[in-house]
């Protein structure tokens, strides 16, 4: 659902939870949201997709340009950028 090439029990539980709440995943693309570097951790060279952006049914159409920003960060988690379109207000 969110681009990870690996499926495990935790991911399955998370997908079930989201389905029960009628949430949609906004993640798109194949850029990992988390990379530990070359520390020899359990995470492979491709990184991991552990940061997930969820939206309700009413918000899905309003979320645009979801992307993982690569650049200098001081954490293992990459920044995530997305825009939310404004709705027209009724008078």
PDB file of N, CA and C in Angstrom:
ATOM      1  N   UNK A   1       0.813  -1.209   0.000  1.00  0.00           N
ATOM      2  CA  UNK A   1       0.000   0.000   0.000  1.00  0.00           C
ATOM      3  C   UNK A   1       0.850   1.264   0.000  1.00  0.00           C
ATOM      4  N   UNK A   2       2.038   1.224   0.609  1.00  0.00           N
ATOM      5  CA  UNK A   2       2.834   2.447   0.719  1.00  0.00           C
ATOM      6  C   UNK A   2       4.209   2.318   0.087  1.00  0.00           C
ATOM      7  N   UNK A   3       4.391   1.356  -0.803  1.00  0.00           N
ATOM      8  CA  UNK A   3       5.601   1.283  -1.597  1.00  0.00           C
ATOM      9  C   UNK A   3       6.699   0.381  -1.089  1.00  0.00           C
ATOM     10  N   UNK A   4       6.543  -0.177   0.074  1.00  0.00           N
ATOM     11  CA  UNK A   4       7.591  -1.036   0.619  1.00  0.00           C
ATOM     12  C   UNK A   4       7.665  -2.342  -0.166  1.00  0.00           C
ATOM     13  N   UNK A   5       8.882  -2.777  -0.508  1.00  0.00           N
ATOM     14  CA  UNK A   5       9.019  -4.043  -1.217  1.00  0.00           C
ATOM     15  C   UNK A   5       8.873  -5.247  -0.279  1.00  0.00           C
ATOM     16  N   UNK A   6       8.791  -4.996   1.027  1.00  0.00           N
ATOM     17  CA  UNK A   6       8.716  -6.061   2.031  1.00  0.00           C
ATOM     18  C   UNK A   6       7.368  -5.987   2.748  1.00  0.00           C
ATOM     19  N   UNK A   7       6.727  -7.137   2.910  1.00  0.00           N
ATOM     20  CA  UNK A   7       5.493  -7.219   3.682  1.00  0.00           C
ATOM     21  C   UNK A   7       5.752  -8.120   4.880  1.00  0.00           C
ATOM     22  N   UNK A   8       5.356  -7.647   6.063  1.00  0.00           N
ATOM     23  CA  UNK A   8       5.499  -8.468   7.259  1.00  0.00           C
ATOM     24  C   UNK A   8       4.217  -8.380   8.081  1.00  0.00           C
ATOM     25  N   UNK A   9       4.181  -9.071   9.214  1.00  0.00           N
ATOM     26  CA  UNK A   9       2.984  -9.106  10.058  1.00  0.00           C
ATOM     27  C   UNK A   9       2.580  -7.712  10.533  1.00  0.00           C
ATOM     28  N   UNK A  10       3.563  -6.896  10.908  1.00  0.00           N
ATOM     29  CA  UNK A  10       3.233  -5.544  11.376  1.00  0.00           C
ATOM     30  C   UNK A  10       2.562  -4.739  10.273  1.00  0.00           C
ATOM     31  N   UNK A  11       3.052  -4.872   9.052  1.00  0.00           N
ATOM     32  CA  UNK A  11       2.441  -4.180   7.924  1.00  0.00           C
ATOM     33  C   UNK A  11       1.031  -4.673   7.655  1.00  0.00           C
ATOM     34  N   UNK A  12       0.826  -5.976   7.793  1.00  0.00           N
ATOM     35  CA  UNK A  12      -0.511  -6.539   7.597  1.00  0.00           C
ATOM     36  C   UNK A  12      -1.475  -6.006   8.656  1.00  0.00           C
ATOM     37  N   UNK A  13      -1.032  -5.947   9.911  1.00  0.00           N
ATOM     38  CA  UNK A  13      -1.872  -5.395  10.983  1.00  0.00           C
ATOM     39  C   UNK A  13      -2.201  -3.929  10.701  1.00  0.00           C
ATOM     40  N   UNK A  14      -1.216  -3.199  10.240  1.00  0.00           N
ATOM     41  CA  UNK A  14      -1.425  -1.783   9.940  1.00  0.00           C
ATOM     42  C   UNK A  14      -2.433  -1.603   8.800  1.00  0.00           C
ATOM     43  N   UNK A  15      -2.347  -2.447   7.773  1.00  0.00           N
ATOM     44  CA  UNK A  15      -3.302  -2.368   6.661  1.00  0.00           C
ATOM     45  C   UNK A  15      -4.727  -2.692   7.129  1.00  0.00           C
ATOM     46  N   UNK A  16      -4.855  -3.683   8.011  1.00  0.00           N
ATOM     47  CA  UNK A  16      -6.170  -4.033   8.553  1.00  0.00           C
ATOM     48  C   UNK A  16      -6.742  -2.879   9.370  1.00  0.00           C
ATOM     49  N   UNK A  17      -5.898  -2.268  10.202  1.00  0.00           N
ATOM     50  CA  UNK A  17      -6.317  -1.133  11.027  1.00  0.00           C
ATOM     51  C   UNK A  17      -6.803   0.016  10.145  1.00  0.00           C
ATOM     52  N   UNK A  18      -6.058   0.330   9.095  1.00  0.00           N
ATOM     53  CA  UNK A  18      -6.426   1.428   8.197  1.00  0.00           C
ATOM     54  C   UNK A  18      -7.733   1.115   7.474  1.00  0.00           C
ATOM     55  N   UNK A  19      -7.921  -0.134   7.070  1.00  0.00           N
ATOM     56  CA  UNK A  19      -9.150  -0.513   6.380  1.00  0.00           C
ATOM     57  C   UNK A  19     -10.356  -0.365   7.303  1.00  0.00           C
ATOM     58  N   UNK A  20     -10.197  -0.731   8.571  1.00  0.00           N
ATOM     59  CA  UNK A  20     -11.284  -0.588   9.542  1.00  0.00           C
ATOM     60  C   UNK A  20     -11.680   0.871   9.735  1.00  0.00           C
ATOM     61  N   UNK A  21     -10.701   1.768   9.638  1.00  0.00           N
ATOM     62  CA  UNK A  21     -10.958   3.196   9.822  1.00  0.00           C
ATOM     63  C   UNK A  21     -11.226   3.920   8.508  1.00  0.00           C
ATOM     64  N   UNK A  22     -11.217   3.160   7.399  1.00  0.00           N
ATOM     65  CA  UNK A  22     -11.446   3.729   6.073  1.00  0.00           C
ATOM     66  C   UNK A  22     -10.425   4.815   5.736  1.00  0.00           C
ATOM     67  N   UNK A  23      -9.158   4.540   6.043  1.00  0.00           N
ATOM     68  CA  UNK A  23      -8.070   5.472   5.750  1.00  0.00           C
ATOM     69  C   UNK A  23      -7.355   5.047   4.478  1.00  0.00           C
ATOM     70  N   UNK A  24      -6.868   6.027   3.740  1.00  0.00           N
ATOM     71  CA  UNK A  24      -6.098   5.774   2.520  1.00  0.00           C
ATOM     72  C   UNK A  24      -4.657   6.210   2.726  1.00  0.00           C
ATOM     73  N   UNK A  25      -3.750   5.486   2.097  1.00  0.00           N
ATOM     74  CA  UNK A  25      -2.332   5.823   2.146  1.00  0.00           C
ATOM     75  C   UNK A  25      -2.045   6.861   1.072  1.00  0.00           C
ATOM     76  N   UNK A  26      -1.343   7.919   1.443  1.00  0.00           N
ATOM     77  CA  UNK A  26      -1.008   8.965   0.485  1.00  0.00           C
ATOM     78  C   UNK A  26       0.413   8.802  -0.070  1.00  0.00           C
ATOM     79  N   UNK A  27       1.217   7.934   0.515  1.00  0.00           N
ATOM     80  CA  UNK A  27       2.577   7.711   0.033  1.00  0.00           C
ATOM     81  C   UNK A  27       2.547   7.296  -1.425  1.00  0.00           C
ATOM     82  N   UNK A  28       3.481   7.818  -2.202  1.00  0.00           N
ATOM     83  CA  UNK A  28       3.605   7.423  -3.597  1.00  0.00           C
ATOM     84  C   UNK A  28       5.084   7.384  -3.964  1.00  0.00           C
ATOM     85  N   UNK A  29       5.393   6.618  -4.963  1.00  0.00           N
ATOM     86  CA  UNK A  29       6.790   6.506  -5.386  1.00  0.00           C
ATOM     87  C   UNK A  29       7.487   5.360  -4.692  1.00  0.00           C
ATOM     88  N   UNK A  30       8.779   5.279  -4.919  1.00  0.00           N
ATOM     89  CA  UNK A  30       9.557   4.177  -4.348  1.00  0.00           C
ATOM     90  C   UNK A  30      10.785   4.667  -3.588  1.00  0.00           C
ATOM     91  N   UNK A  31      10.706   5.876  -3.035  1.00  0.00           N
ATOM     92  CA  UNK A  31      11.806   6.418  -2.241  1.00  0.00           C
ATOM     93  C   UNK A  31      11.574   6.081  -0.771  1.00  0.00           C
ATOM     94  N   UNK A  32      12.522   5.418  -0.111  1.00  0.00           N
ATOM     95  CA  UNK A  32      12.355   5.094   1.306  1.00  0.00           C
ATOM     96  C   UNK A  32      12.217   6.361   2.161  1.00  0.00           C
ATOM     97  N   UNK A  33      11.422   6.264   3.209  1.00  0.00           N
ATOM     98  CA  UNK A  33      11.257   7.399   4.119  1.00  0.00           C
ATOM     99  C   UNK A  33      12.243   7.345   5.278  1.00  0.00           C
ATOM    100  N   UNK A  34      12.939   6.228   5.422  1.00  0.00           N
ATOM    101  CA  UNK A  34      13.864   6.017   6.534  1.00  0.00           C
ATOM    102  C   UNK A  34      15.100   5.296   6.020  1.00  0.00           C
ATOM    103  N   UNK A  35      16.268   5.844   6.320  1.00  0.00           N
ATOM    104  CA  UNK A  35      17.529   5.189   5.934  1.00  0.00           C
ATOM    105  C   UNK A  35      18.533   5.365   7.059  1.00  0.00           C
ATOM    106  N   UNK A  36      19.055   4.260   7.520  1.00  0.00           N
ATOM    107  CA  UNK A  36      19.995   4.301   8.626  1.00  0.00           C
ATOM    108  C   UNK A  36      21.435   4.495   8.161  1.00  0.00           C
ATOM    109  N   UNK A  37      21.703   4.352   6.887  1.00  0.00           N
ATOM    110  CA  UNK A  37      23.075   4.501   6.411  1.00  0.00           C
ATOM    111  C   UNK A  37      23.791   3.173   6.386  1.00  0.00           C
ATOM    112  N   UNK A  38      25.096   3.212   6.534  1.00  0.00           N
ATOM    113  CA  UNK A  38      25.888   1.987   6.413  1.00  0.00           C
ATOM    114  C   UNK A  38      26.306   1.446   7.770  1.00  0.00           C
ATOM    115  N   UNK A  39      25.399   1.441   8.734  1.00  0.00           N
ATOM    116  CA  UNK A  39      25.742   0.974  10.077  1.00  0.00           C
ATOM    117  C   UNK A  39      25.606  -0.523  10.230  1.00  0.00           C
ATOM    118  N   UNK A  40      25.218  -1.226   9.152  1.00  0.00           N
ATOM    119  CA  UNK A  40      25.061  -2.663   9.244  1.00  0.00           C
ATOM    120  C   UNK A  40      23.810  -3.065  10.010  1.00  0.00           C
ATOM    121  N   UNK A  41      22.812  -2.225  10.002  1.00  0.00           N
ATOM    122  CA  UNK A  41      21.583  -2.517  10.746  1.00  0.00           C
ATOM    123  C   UNK A  41      20.759  -3.556  10.016  1.00  0.00           C
ATOM    124  N   UNK A  42      19.598  -3.867  10.594  1.00  0.00           N
ATOM    125  CA  UNK A  42      18.688  -4.836   9.986  1.00  0.00           C
ATOM    126  C   UNK A  42      18.044  -4.291   8.729  1.00  0.00           C
ATOM    127  N   UNK A  43      18.125  -3.004   8.499  1.00  0.00           N
ATOM    128  CA  UNK A  43      17.533  -2.389   7.315  1.00  0.00           C
ATOM    129  C   UNK A  43      18.505  -2.528   6.154  1.00  0.00           C
ATOM    130  N   UNK A  44      18.008  -3.006   5.037  1.00  0.00           N
ATOM    131  CA  UNK A  44      18.905  -3.223   3.905  1.00  0.00           C
ATOM    132  C   UNK A  44      19.265  -1.910   3.213  1.00  0.00           C
ATOM    133  N   UNK A  45      20.039  -2.006   2.158  1.00  0.00           N
ATOM    134  CA  UNK A  45      20.544  -0.826   1.455  1.00  0.00           C
ATOM    135  C   UNK A  45      19.448   0.034   0.838  1.00  0.00           C
ATOM    136  N   UNK A  46      18.250  -0.514   0.638  1.00  0.00           N
ATOM    137  CA  UNK A  46      17.182   0.252   0.013  1.00  0.00           C
ATOM    138  C   UNK A  46      16.425   1.107   1.014  1.00  0.00           C
ATOM    139  N   UNK A  47      16.679   0.951   2.284  1.00  0.00           N
ATOM    140  CA  UNK A  47      15.968   1.720   3.300  1.00  0.00           C
ATOM    141  C   UNK A  47      14.651   1.075   3.652  1.00  0.00           C
ATOM    142  N   UNK A  48      13.815   1.851   4.313  1.00  0.00           N
ATOM    143  CA  UNK A  48      12.544   1.343   4.779  1.00  0.00           C
ATOM    144  C   UNK A  48      11.453   2.378   4.538  1.00  0.00           C
ATOM    145  N   UNK A  49      10.225   1.929   4.538  1.00  0.00           N
ATOM    146  CA  UNK A  49       9.074   2.782   4.248  1.00  0.00           C
ATOM    147  C   UNK A  49       8.181   2.851   5.488  1.00  0.00           C
ATOM    148  N   UNK A  50       8.741   3.302   6.602  1.00  0.00           N
ATOM    149  CA  UNK A  50       8.016   3.249   7.863  1.00  0.00           C
ATOM    150  C   UNK A  50       7.232   4.515   8.178  1.00  0.00           C
ATOM    151  N   UNK A  51       7.436   5.587   7.452  1.00  0.00           N
ATOM    152  CA  UNK A  51       6.698   6.832   7.689  1.00  0.00           C
ATOM    153  C   UNK A  51       5.561   6.897   6.680  1.00  0.00           C
ATOM    154  N   UNK A  52       4.344   6.825   7.175  1.00  0.00           N
ATOM    155  CA  UNK A  52       3.177   6.714   6.309  1.00  0.00           C
ATOM    156  C   UNK A  52       2.256   7.903   6.548  1.00  0.00           C
ATOM    157  N   UNK A  53       1.764   8.479   5.473  1.00  0.00           N
ATOM    158  CA  UNK A  53       0.805   9.583   5.542  1.00  0.00           C
ATOM    159  C   UNK A  53      -0.575   9.016   5.236  1.00  0.00           C
ATOM    160  N   UNK A  54      -1.496   9.178   6.186  1.00  0.00           N
ATOM    161  CA  UNK A  54      -2.855   8.666   6.045  1.00  0.00           C
ATOM    162  C   UNK A  54      -3.813   9.816   5.781  1.00  0.00           C
ATOM    163  N   UNK A  55      -4.903   9.531   5.067  1.00  0.00           N
ATOM    164  CA  UNK A  55      -5.931  10.538   4.826  1.00  0.00           C
ATOM    165  C   UNK A  55      -7.307   9.884   4.878  1.00  0.00           C
ATOM    166  N   UNK A  56      -8.265  10.647   5.362  1.00  0.00           N
ATOM    167  CA  UNK A  56      -9.644  10.181   5.345  1.00  0.00           C
ATOM    168  C   UNK A  56     -10.179  10.277   3.926  1.00  0.00           C
ATOM    169  N   UNK A  57     -11.303   9.647   3.698  1.00  0.00           N
ATOM    170  CA  UNK A  57     -11.906   9.652   2.356  1.00  0.00           C
ATOM    171  C   UNK A  57     -12.143  11.075   1.853  1.00  0.00           C
ATOM    172  N   UNK A  58     -12.559  11.968   2.735  1.00  0.00           N
ATOM    173  CA  UNK A  58     -12.815  13.348   2.341  1.00  0.00           C
ATOM    174  C   UNK A  58     -11.564  14.144   2.023  1.00  0.00           C
ATOM    175  N   UNK A  59     -10.434  13.723   2.544  1.00  0.00           N
ATOM    176  CA  UNK A  59      -9.180  14.447   2.312  1.00  0.00           C
ATOM    177  C   UNK A  59      -8.373  13.926   1.132  1.00  0.00           C
ATOM    178  N   UNK A  60      -8.610  12.710   0.710  1.00  0.00           N
ATOM    179  CA  UNK A  60      -7.792  12.091  -0.347  1.00  0.00           C
ATOM    180  C   UNK A  60      -7.692  12.963  -1.586  1.00  0.00           C
ATOM    181  N   UNK A  61      -8.813  13.497  -2.027  1.00  0.00           N
ATOM    182  CA  UNK A  61      -8.815  14.316  -3.253  1.00  0.00           C
ATOM    183  C   UNK A  61      -8.090  15.642  -3.066  1.00  0.00           C
ATOM    184  N   UNK A  62      -7.879  16.060  -1.835  1.00  0.00           N
ATOM    185  CA  UNK A  62      -7.256  17.353  -1.577  1.00  0.00           C
ATOM    186  C   UNK A  62      -5.744  17.281  -1.419  1.00  0.00           C
ATOM    187  N   UNK A  63      -5.196  16.081  -1.232  1.00  0.00           N
ATOM    188  CA  UNK A  63      -3.751  15.929  -1.035  1.00  0.00           C
ATOM    189  C   UNK A  63      -3.064  15.811  -2.393  1.00  0.00           C
ATOM    190  N   UNK A  64      -2.082  16.684  -2.632  1.00  0.00           N
ATOM    191  CA  UNK A  64      -1.338  16.713  -3.892  1.00  0.00           C
ATOM    192  C   UNK A  64       0.159  16.689  -3.620  1.00  0.00           C
ATOM    193  N   UNK A  65       0.898  16.274  -4.611  1.00  0.00           N
ATOM    194  CA  UNK A  65       2.357  16.378  -4.639  1.00  0.00           C
ATOM    195  C   UNK A  65       3.034  15.718  -3.439  1.00  0.00           C
ATOM    196  N   UNK A  66       2.587  14.549  -3.055  1.00  0.00           N
ATOM    197  CA  UNK A  66       3.226  13.847  -1.945  1.00  0.00           C
ATOM    198  C   UNK A  66       4.593  13.369  -2.412  1.00  0.00           C
ATOM    199  N   UNK A  67       5.660  13.678  -1.654  1.00  0.00           N
ATOM    200  CA  UNK A  67       6.997  13.205  -2.025  1.00  0.00           C
ATOM    201  C   UNK A  67       7.926  13.165  -0.817  1.00  0.00           C
ATOM    202  N   UNK A  68       8.912  12.298  -0.924  1.00  0.00           N
ATOM    203  CA  UNK A  68       9.969  12.213   0.079  1.00  0.00           C
ATOM    204  C   UNK A  68      11.065  13.167  -0.357  1.00  0.00           C
ATOM    205  N   UNK A  69      11.470  14.059   0.541  1.00  0.00           N
ATOM    206  CA  UNK A  69      12.519  15.028   0.217  1.00  0.00           C
ATOM    207  C   UNK A  69      13.865  14.471   0.652  1.00  0.00           C
ATOM    208  N   UNK A  70      14.750  14.344  -0.311  1.00  0.00           N
ATOM    209  CA  UNK A  70      16.103  13.883  -0.012  1.00  0.00           C
ATOM    210  C   UNK A  70      16.993  15.091   0.161  1.00  0.00           C
ATOM    211  N   UNK A  71      17.834  15.049   1.113  1.00  0.00           N
ATOM    212  CA  UNK A  71      18.729  16.166   1.375  1.00  0.00           C
ATOM    213  C   UNK A  71      19.316  16.026   2.765  1.00  0.00           C
ATOM    214  N   UNK A  72      20.000  17.032   3.185  1.00  0.00           N
ATOM    215  CA  UNK A  72      20.669  17.025   4.478  1.00  0.00           C
ATOM    216  C   UNK A  72      19.647  17.080   5.607  1.00  0.00           C
ATOM    217  N   UNK A  73      19.560  16.010   6.359  1.00  0.00           N
ATOM    218  CA  UNK A  73      18.708  15.970   7.545  1.00  0.00           C
ATOM    219  C   UNK A  73      19.529  15.383   8.684  1.00  0.00           C
ATOM    220  N   UNK A  74      19.135  15.664   9.878  1.00  0.00           N
ATOM    221  CA  UNK A  74      19.895  15.198  11.045  1.00  0.00           C
ATOM    222  C   UNK A  74      19.145  14.097  11.776  1.00  0.00           C
ATOM    223  N   UNK A  75      18.496  13.273  10.997  1.00  0.00           N
ATOM    224  CA  UNK A  75      17.759  12.126  11.510  1.00  0.00           C
ATOM    225  C   UNK A  75      17.760  11.059  10.435  1.00  0.00           C
ATOM    226  N   UNK A  76      17.391   9.848  10.781  1.00  0.00           N
ATOM    227  CA  UNK A  76      17.309   8.774   9.797  1.00  0.00           C
ATOM    228  C   UNK A  76      16.045   8.878   8.943  1.00  0.00           C
ATOM    229  N   UNK A  77      15.101   9.705   9.389  1.00  0.00           N
ATOM    230  CA  UNK A  77      13.845   9.875   8.672  1.00  0.00           C
ATOM    231  C   UNK A  77      13.961  11.042   7.700  1.00  0.00           C
ATOM    232  N   UNK A  78      13.552  10.825   6.455  1.00  0.00           N
ATOM    233  CA  UNK A  78      13.532  11.907   5.473  1.00  0.00           C
ATOM    234  C   UNK A  78      12.288  12.765   5.679  1.00  0.00           C
ATOM    235  N   UNK A  79      12.379  14.013   5.277  1.00  0.00           N
ATOM    236  CA  UNK A  79      11.211  14.886   5.327  1.00  0.00           C
ATOM    237  C   UNK A  79      10.214  14.440   4.267  1.00  0.00           C
ATOM    238  N   UNK A  80       8.937  14.603   4.578  1.00  0.00           N
ATOM    239  CA  UNK A  80       7.869  14.298   3.630  1.00  0.00           C
ATOM    240  C   UNK A  80       7.154  15.596   3.320  1.00  0.00           C
ATOM    241  N   UNK A  81       6.937  15.842   2.037  1.00  0.00           N
ATOM    242  CA  UNK A  81       6.268  17.066   1.599  1.00  0.00           C
ATOM    243  C   UNK A  81       4.977  16.698   0.883  1.00  0.00           C
ATOM    244  N   UNK A  82       3.904  17.406   1.189  1.00  0.00           N
ATOM    245  CA  UNK A  82       2.673  17.279   0.419  1.00  0.00           C
ATOM    246  C   UNK A  82       1.869  18.556   0.579  1.00  0.00           C
ATOM    247  N   UNK A  83       0.992  18.776  -0.365  1.00  0.00           N
ATOM    248  CA  UNK A  83       0.134  19.960  -0.329  1.00  0.00           C
ATOM    249  C   UNK A  83      -1.310  19.520  -0.139  1.00  0.00           C
ATOM    250  N   UNK A  84      -2.061  20.355   0.577  1.00  0.00           N
ATOM    251  CA  UNK A  84      -3.487  20.104   0.769  1.00  0.00           C
ATOM    252  C   UNK A  84      -4.237  21.263   0.121  1.00  0.00           C
ATOM    253  N   UNK A  85      -5.040  20.942  -0.888  1.00  0.00           N
ATOM    254  CA  UNK A  85      -5.803  21.971  -1.597  1.00  0.00           C
ATOM    255  C   UNK A  85      -6.895  22.521  -0.685  1.00  0.00           C
ATOM    256  N   UNK A  86      -7.103  23.808  -0.783  1.00  0.00           N
ATOM    257  CA  UNK A  86      -8.168  24.438  -0.001  1.00  0.00           C
ATOM    258  C   UNK A  86      -9.508  24.184  -0.686  1.00  0.00           C
ATOM    259  N   UNK A  87     -10.541  24.107   0.121  1.00  0.00           N
ATOM    260  CA  UNK A  87     -11.880  23.976  -0.438  1.00  0.00           C
ATOM    261  C   UNK A  87     -12.518  25.353  -0.489  1.00  0.00           C
ATOM    262  N   UNK A  88     -13.472  25.498  -1.378  1.00  0.00           N
ATOM    263  CA  UNK A  88     -14.164  26.785  -1.474  1.00  0.00           C
ATOM    264  C   UNK A  88     -15.169  26.872  -0.341  1.00  0.00           C
ATOM    265  N   UNK A  89     -15.159  27.995   0.313  1.00  0.00           N
ATOM    266  CA  UNK A  89     -16.101  28.203   1.411  1.00  0.00           C
ATOM    267  C   UNK A  89     -17.426  28.704   0.877  1.00  0.00           C
ATOM    268  N   UNK A  90     -18.489  28.239   1.480  1.00  0.00           N
ATOM    269  CA  UNK A  90     -19.816  28.701   1.090  1.00  0.00           C
ATOM    270  C   UNK A  90     -20.169  29.925   1.896  1.00  0.00           C
ATOM    271  N   UNK A  91     -20.862  30.843   1.267  1.00  0.00           N
ATOM    272  CA  UNK A  91     -21.329  32.061   1.961  1.00  0.00           C
ATOM    273  C   UNK A  91     -22.567  31.749   2.762  1.00  0.00           C
TER     274      UNK A  91
END
